């Protein structure tokens, strides 16, 4: 039986095409494997520290006497003793106002009911700059939760840390600070009421 010449040509063409298809499929498979091997793993999300109310040996919540002892032992502060301690009109509040040394020019420690609730540190702009401290804080605590041209702040459940322009760092006990604000509002309201009552006497 004679074989159709067209059939023989088609078979021959198929024999030539199969190796080419096999080569192309092999090349594609190899490329996919290489791409998978070269895939850059996703960067791990950086974890940041929780804001704490502590600077060196000073900690929010410590007693007045403990803070005095800490200042005496810390070379960053030029604490002179009782001369640096002031009592406010409110008998529950005291403040330590002392000079600093090196990078710190001045420090204010404010106490409420015998416990430290604000640490305020004024820096020397000749020795350190705003951006250096800001970079350190963002690297440690992440981007600030609140930011304006005047300050940047980071916070946790019980502490607020702020970097204020031109160059002041402040640690604040949220609970004590909010309580002091409430008391201040009550006193202001009482004074306003007393003023009105006095005016009505005329």
C-alpha atoms as a PDB file:
ATOM      1  CA  UNK A   1       0.000   0.000   0.000  1.00  0.00           C
ATOM      2  CA  UNK A   2       1.481   3.331  -0.999  1.00  0.00           C
ATOM      3  CA  UNK A   3       1.943   5.957   1.735  1.00  0.00           C
ATOM      4  CA  UNK A   4       0.758   9.450   1.062  1.00  0.00           C
ATOM      5  CA  UNK A   5       3.779  11.728   0.631  1.00  0.00           C
ATOM      6  CA  UNK A   6       2.023  14.461   2.622  1.00  0.00           C
ATOM      7  CA  UNK A   7       1.643  12.080   5.579  1.00  0.00           C
ATOM      8  CA  UNK A   8       5.331  11.227   5.468  1.00  0.00           C
ATOM      9  CA  UNK A   9       6.208  14.952   5.478  1.00  0.00           C
ATOM     10  CA  UNK A  10       3.921  15.633   8.443  1.00  0.00           C
ATOM     11  CA  UNK A  11       5.502  12.802  10.468  1.00  0.00           C
ATOM     12  CA  UNK A  12       8.941  14.124   9.677  1.00  0.00           C
ATOM     13  CA  UNK A  13       7.952  17.612  10.753  1.00  0.00           C
ATOM     14  CA  UNK A  14       6.585  16.282  14.071  1.00  0.00           C
ATOM     15  CA  UNK A  15       9.825  14.454  14.763  1.00  0.00           C
ATOM     16  CA  UNK A  16      11.739  17.688  14.255  1.00  0.00           C
ATOM     17  CA  UNK A  17       9.347  19.811  16.400  1.00  0.00           C
ATOM     18  CA  UNK A  18       9.241  17.509  19.468  1.00  0.00           C
ATOM     19  CA  UNK A  19      12.886  18.055  20.515  1.00  0.00           C
ATOM     20  CA  UNK A  20      12.451  21.800  20.119  1.00  0.00           C
ATOM     21  CA  UNK A  21       9.318  21.794  22.311  1.00  0.00           C
ATOM     22  CA  UNK A  22      11.080  19.654  24.901  1.00  0.00           C
ATOM     23  CA  UNK A  23      14.018  22.076  24.959  1.00  0.00           C
ATOM     24  CA  UNK A  24      11.750  25.113  25.358  1.00  0.00           C
ATOM     25  CA  UNK A  25       9.768  23.492  28.196  1.00  0.00           C
ATOM     26  CA  UNK A  26      12.991  22.525  29.958  1.00  0.00           C
ATOM     27  CA  UNK A  27      14.297  26.081  29.633  1.00  0.00           C
ATOM     28  CA  UNK A  28      11.043  27.516  31.029  1.00  0.00           C
ATOM     29  CA  UNK A  29      11.067  25.118  33.995  1.00  0.00           C
ATOM     30  CA  UNK A  30      14.706  25.979  34.747  1.00  0.00           C
ATOM     31  CA  UNK A  31      13.932  29.700  34.631  1.00  0.00           C
ATOM     32  CA  UNK A  32      11.059  29.276  37.095  1.00  0.00           C
ATOM     33  CA  UNK A  33      13.292  27.412  39.530  1.00  0.00           C
ATOM     34  CA  UNK A  34      16.004  30.085  39.285  1.00  0.00           C
ATOM     35  CA  UNK A  35      13.480  32.890  39.862  1.00  0.00           C
ATOM     36  CA  UNK A  36      12.143  31.094  42.915  1.00  0.00           C
ATOM     37  CA  UNK A  37      15.651  30.660  44.362  1.00  0.00           C
ATOM     38  CA  UNK A  38      16.461  34.331  43.823  1.00  0.00           C
ATOM     39  CA  UNK A  39      13.300  35.620  45.485  1.00  0.00           C
ATOM     40  CA  UNK A  40      14.262  38.062  48.257  1.00  0.00           C
ATOM     41  CA  UNK A  41      12.548  37.119  51.520  1.00  0.00           C
ATOM     42  CA  UNK A  42      10.281  39.766  52.968  1.00  0.00           C
ATOM     43  CA  UNK A  43      11.996  41.927  55.566  1.00  0.00           C
ATOM     44  CA  UNK A  44      10.985  41.139  59.109  1.00  0.00           C
ATOM     45  CA  UNK A  45       8.991  43.879  60.790  1.00  0.00           C
ATOM     46  CA  UNK A  46      11.147  45.668  63.353  1.00  0.00           C
ATOM     47  CA  UNK A  47       9.907  45.589  66.908  1.00  0.00           C
ATOM     48  CA  UNK A  48      10.316  48.698  69.030  1.00  0.00           C
ATOM     49  CA  UNK A  49      10.709  49.151  72.743  1.00  0.00           C
ATOM     50  CA  UNK A  50       7.912  50.303  75.001  1.00  0.00           C
ATOM     51  CA  UNK A  51       8.317  53.847  76.328  1.00  0.00           C
ATOM     52  CA  UNK A  52       9.524  53.751  79.924  1.00  0.00           C
ATOM     53  CA  UNK A  53       9.638  56.598  82.417  1.00  0.00           C
ATOM     54  CA  UNK A  54      13.314  56.320  83.182  1.00  0.00           C
ATOM     55  CA  UNK A  55      16.434  58.320  82.421  1.00  0.00           C
ATOM     56  CA  UNK A  56      19.625  56.815  83.800  1.00  0.00           C
ATOM     57  CA  UNK A  57      19.030  56.366  87.571  1.00  0.00           C
ATOM     58  CA  UNK A  58      15.939  58.614  87.631  1.00  0.00           C
ATOM     59  CA  UNK A  59      12.548  56.887  87.379  1.00  0.00           C
ATOM     60  CA  UNK A  60       9.035  58.247  87.388  1.00  0.00           C
ATOM     61  CA  UNK A  61       7.278  57.282  90.609  1.00  0.00           C
ATOM     62  CA  UNK A  62      10.411  57.363  92.788  1.00  0.00           C
ATOM     63  CA  UNK A  63      10.329  59.283  96.068  1.00  0.00           C
ATOM     64  CA  UNK A  64      11.806  62.736  96.632  1.00  0.00           C
ATOM     65  CA  UNK A  65      14.586  61.352  98.855  1.00  0.00           C
ATOM     66  CA  UNK A  66      15.450  58.625  96.334  1.00  0.00           C
ATOM     67  CA  UNK A  67      15.689  61.222  93.551  1.00  0.00           C
ATOM     68  CA  UNK A  68      17.985  63.394  95.660  1.00  0.00           C
ATOM     69  CA  UNK A  69      20.332  60.449  96.195  1.00  0.00           C
ATOM     70  CA  UNK A  70      20.269  59.573  92.490  1.00  0.00           C
ATOM     71  CA  UNK A  71      21.197  63.143  91.519  1.00  0.00           C
ATOM     72  CA  UNK A  72      24.082  63.206  94.009  1.00  0.00           C
ATOM     73  CA  UNK A  73      25.622  60.090  92.453  1.00  0.00           C
ATOM     74  CA  UNK A  74      25.091  61.027  88.794  1.00  0.00           C
ATOM     75  CA  UNK A  75      27.881  63.039  87.155  1.00  0.00           C
ATOM     76  CA  UNK A  76      25.406  64.421  84.588  1.00  0.00           C
ATOM     77  CA  UNK A  77      23.869  66.633  87.298  1.00  0.00           C
ATOM     78  CA  UNK A  78      25.349  69.356  89.529  1.00  0.00           C
ATOM     79  CA  UNK A  79      22.887  68.870  92.388  1.00  0.00           C
ATOM     80  CA  UNK A  80      23.686  71.152  95.355  1.00  0.00           C
ATOM     81  CA  UNK A  81      21.295  69.719  97.923  1.00  0.00           C
ATOM     82  CA  UNK A  82      18.265  71.326  99.583  1.00  0.00           C
ATOM     83  CA  UNK A  83      18.996  74.692  97.971  1.00  0.00           C
ATOM     84  CA  UNK A  84      17.806  73.159  94.689  1.00  0.00           C
ATOM     85  CA  UNK A  85      14.507  71.948  96.181  1.00  0.00           C
ATOM     86  CA  UNK A  86      11.401  74.174  96.115  1.00  0.00           C
ATOM     87  CA  UNK A  87       7.947  73.579  97.586  1.00  0.00           C
ATOM     88  CA  UNK A  88       4.981  74.805  95.578  1.00  0.00           C
ATOM     89  CA  UNK A  89       1.992  76.602  97.037  1.00  0.00           C
ATOM     90  CA  UNK A  90       0.265  73.251  96.821  1.00  0.00           C
ATOM     91  CA  UNK A  91       1.833  71.308  99.720  1.00  0.00           C
ATOM     92  CA  UNK A  92       1.579  68.055  97.763  1.00  0.00           C
ATOM     93  CA  UNK A  93       4.056  69.253  95.132  1.00  0.00           C
ATOM     94  CA  UNK A  94       7.794  69.901  95.113  1.00  0.00           C
ATOM     95  CA  UNK A  95      10.322  70.592  92.397  1.00  0.00           C
ATOM     96  CA  UNK A  96      14.061  70.039  92.118  1.00  0.00           C
ATOM     97  CA  UNK A  97      15.706  72.572  89.829  1.00  0.00           C
ATOM     98  CA  UNK A  98      19.400  71.868  89.296  1.00  0.00           C
ATOM     99  CA  UNK A  99      22.125  72.560  86.786  1.00  0.00           C
ATOM    100  CA  UNK A 100      23.435  69.845  84.522  1.00  0.00           C
ATOM    101  CA  UNK A 101      26.901  69.082  83.210  1.00  0.00           C
ATOM    102  CA  UNK A 102      28.106  68.191  79.725  1.00  0.00           C
ATOM    103  CA  UNK A 103      25.168  67.631  77.380  1.00  0.00           C
ATOM    104  CA  UNK A 104      22.532  68.631  79.983  1.00  0.00           C
ATOM    105  CA  UNK A 105      22.325  72.307  80.927  1.00  0.00           C
ATOM    106  CA  UNK A 106      19.423  72.082  83.398  1.00  0.00           C
ATOM    107  CA  UNK A 107      17.036  69.553  84.922  1.00  0.00           C
ATOM    108  CA  UNK A 108      13.623  69.950  86.543  1.00  0.00           C
ATOM    109  CA  UNK A 109      12.119  67.120  88.560  1.00  0.00           C
ATOM    110  CA  UNK A 110       8.528  67.653  89.646  1.00  0.00           C
ATOM    111  CA  UNK A 111       6.912  65.663  92.454  1.00  0.00           C
ATOM    112  CA  UNK A 112       3.288  65.130  93.348  1.00  0.00           C
ATOM    113  CA  UNK A 113       2.343  63.629  96.704  1.00  0.00           C
ATOM    114  CA  UNK A 114       5.971  62.718  97.245  1.00  0.00           C
ATOM    115  CA  UNK A 115       6.467  60.877  93.941  1.00  0.00           C
ATOM    116  CA  UNK A 116       8.343  61.972  90.834  1.00  0.00           C
ATOM    117  CA  UNK A 117       5.934  62.515  87.930  1.00  0.00           C
ATOM    118  CA  UNK A 118       7.817  64.800  85.519  1.00  0.00           C
ATOM    119  CA  UNK A 119      11.474  64.662  84.442  1.00  0.00           C
ATOM    120  CA  UNK A 120      12.454  67.586  82.224  1.00  0.00           C
ATOM    121  CA  UNK A 121      15.955  67.810  80.746  1.00  0.00           C
ATOM    122  CA  UNK A 122      17.233  70.831  78.847  1.00  0.00           C
ATOM    123  CA  UNK A 123      20.106  69.995  76.450  1.00  0.00           C
ATOM    124  CA  UNK A 124      23.084  72.052  75.330  1.00  0.00           C
ATOM    125  CA  UNK A 125      22.619  72.805  71.578  1.00  0.00           C
ATOM    126  CA  UNK A 126      26.363  73.423  71.283  1.00  0.00           C
ATOM    127  CA  UNK A 127      27.029  69.778  72.130  1.00  0.00           C
ATOM    128  CA  UNK A 128      24.058  67.919  70.649  1.00  0.00           C
ATOM    129  CA  UNK A 129      21.262  68.709  68.213  1.00  0.00           C
ATOM    130  CA  UNK A 130      17.539  68.015  67.891  1.00  0.00           C
ATOM    131  CA  UNK A 131      17.901  65.646  64.934  1.00  0.00           C
ATOM    132  CA  UNK A 132      20.428  63.414  66.723  1.00  0.00           C
ATOM    133  CA  UNK A 133      18.094  62.872  69.674  1.00  0.00           C
ATOM    134  CA  UNK A 134      15.067  62.496  67.381  1.00  0.00           C
ATOM    135  CA  UNK A 135      16.855  59.794  65.367  1.00  0.00           C
ATOM    136  CA  UNK A 136      17.779  57.932  68.534  1.00  0.00           C
ATOM    137  CA  UNK A 137      14.197  58.008  69.828  1.00  0.00           C
ATOM    138  CA  UNK A 138      12.632  56.901  66.528  1.00  0.00           C
ATOM    139  CA  UNK A 139      15.138  54.076  66.256  1.00  0.00           C
ATOM    140  CA  UNK A 140      14.220  52.930  69.752  1.00  0.00           C
ATOM    141  CA  UNK A 141      10.465  53.641  69.929  1.00  0.00           C
ATOM    142  CA  UNK A 142       9.398  53.970  66.282  1.00  0.00           C
ATOM    143  CA  UNK A 143       7.720  56.953  64.654  1.00  0.00           C
ATOM    144  CA  UNK A 144       6.209  59.472  67.107  1.00  0.00           C
ATOM    145  CA  UNK A 145       2.538  59.090  67.937  1.00  0.00           C
ATOM    146  CA  UNK A 146       2.095  62.847  67.887  1.00  0.00           C
ATOM    147  CA  UNK A 147       4.180  65.442  66.084  1.00  0.00           C
ATOM    148  CA  UNK A 148       3.999  69.205  65.537  1.00  0.00           C
ATOM    149  CA  UNK A 149       6.612  71.850  64.657  1.00  0.00           C
ATOM    150  CA  UNK A 150       7.052  72.353  68.419  1.00  0.00           C
ATOM    151  CA  UNK A 151       7.463  68.752  69.601  1.00  0.00           C
ATOM    152  CA  UNK A 152       7.376  65.023  68.898  1.00  0.00           C
ATOM    153  CA  UNK A 153       6.021  62.562  71.438  1.00  0.00           C
ATOM    154  CA  UNK A 154       5.946  58.820  72.080  1.00  0.00           C
ATOM    155  CA  UNK A 155       3.718  57.192  74.660  1.00  0.00           C
ATOM    156  CA  UNK A 156       2.856  53.974  76.423  1.00  0.00           C
ATOM    157  CA  UNK A 157      -0.015  53.156  78.740  1.00  0.00           C
ATOM    158  CA  UNK A 158       1.489  55.067  81.667  1.00  0.00           C
ATOM    159  CA  UNK A 159       4.283  57.264  80.243  1.00  0.00           C
ATOM    160  CA  UNK A 160       4.617  60.090  77.736  1.00  0.00           C
ATOM    161  CA  UNK A 161       8.052  60.945  76.346  1.00  0.00           C
ATOM    162  CA  UNK A 162       8.411  64.167  74.368  1.00  0.00           C
ATOM    163  CA  UNK A 163      11.191  65.929  72.510  1.00  0.00           C
ATOM    164  CA  UNK A 164      10.389  69.614  72.521  1.00  0.00           C
ATOM    165  CA  UNK A 165      11.832  72.438  70.451  1.00  0.00           C
ATOM    166  CA  UNK A 166      14.431  73.849  70.739  1.00  0.00           C
ATOM    167  CA  UNK A 167      16.024  70.996  72.735  1.00  0.00           C
ATOM    168  CA  UNK A 168      14.220  69.593  75.777  1.00  0.00           C
ATOM    169  CA  UNK A 169      13.388  65.976  76.630  1.00  0.00           C
ATOM    170  CA  UNK A 170      10.481  65.353  78.994  1.00  0.00           C
ATOM    171  CA  UNK A 171       9.248  62.177  80.712  1.00  0.00           C
ATOM    172  CA  UNK A 172       5.750  62.414  82.145  1.00  0.00           C
ATOM    173  CA  UNK A 173       3.649  60.076  84.300  1.00  0.00           C
ATOM    174  CA  UNK A 174       0.267  60.119  82.536  1.00  0.00           C
ATOM    175  CA  UNK A 175      -1.879  59.160  85.528  1.00  0.00           C
ATOM    176  CA  UNK A 176      -0.353  61.687  87.948  1.00  0.00           C
ATOM    177  CA  UNK A 177      -0.277  64.427  85.336  1.00  0.00           C
ATOM    178  CA  UNK A 178      -3.933  63.986  84.405  1.00  0.00           C
ATOM    179  CA  UNK A 179      -4.862  63.951  88.102  1.00  0.00           C
ATOM    180  CA  UNK A 180      -2.994  67.226  88.632  1.00  0.00           C
ATOM    181  CA  UNK A 181      -4.841  68.750  85.667  1.00  0.00           C
ATOM    182  CA  UNK A 182      -8.167  67.692  87.160  1.00  0.00           C
ATOM    183  CA  UNK A 183      -7.259  69.292  90.496  1.00  0.00           C
ATOM    184  CA  UNK A 184      -6.175  72.471  88.700  1.00  0.00           C
ATOM    185  CA  UNK A 185      -9.514  72.651  86.888  1.00  0.00           C
ATOM    186  CA  UNK A 186     -11.364  72.232  90.202  1.00  0.00           C
ATOM    187  CA  UNK A 187      -9.310  75.035  91.800  1.00  0.00           C
ATOM    188  CA  UNK A 188      -9.913  77.328  88.817  1.00  0.00           C
ATOM    189  CA  UNK A 189     -13.642  76.604  88.952  1.00  0.00           C
ATOM    190  CA  UNK A 190     -13.719  77.360  92.701  1.00  0.00           C
ATOM    191  CA  UNK A 191     -11.870  80.670  92.220  1.00  0.00           C
ATOM    192  CA  UNK A 192     -14.290  81.691  89.468  1.00  0.00           C
ATOM    193  CA  UNK A 193     -17.282  80.841  91.681  1.00  0.00           C
ATOM    194  CA  UNK A 194     -15.803  82.792  94.602  1.00  0.00           C
ATOM    195  CA  UNK A 195     -15.168  85.787  92.350  1.00  0.00           C
ATOM    196  CA  UNK A 196     -18.797  85.774  91.161  1.00  0.00           C
ATOM    197  CA  UNK A 197     -20.120  85.496  94.696  1.00  0.00           C
ATOM    198  CA  UNK A 198     -17.904  88.357  95.837  1.00  0.00           C
ATOM    199  CA  UNK A 199     -19.073  90.597  92.968  1.00  0.00           C
ATOM    200  CA  UNK A 200     -22.698  89.986  93.932  1.00  0.00           C
ATOM    201  CA  UNK A 201     -22.079  91.631  97.319  1.00  0.00           C
ATOM    202  CA  UNK A 202     -22.102  95.060  95.621  1.00  0.00           C
END
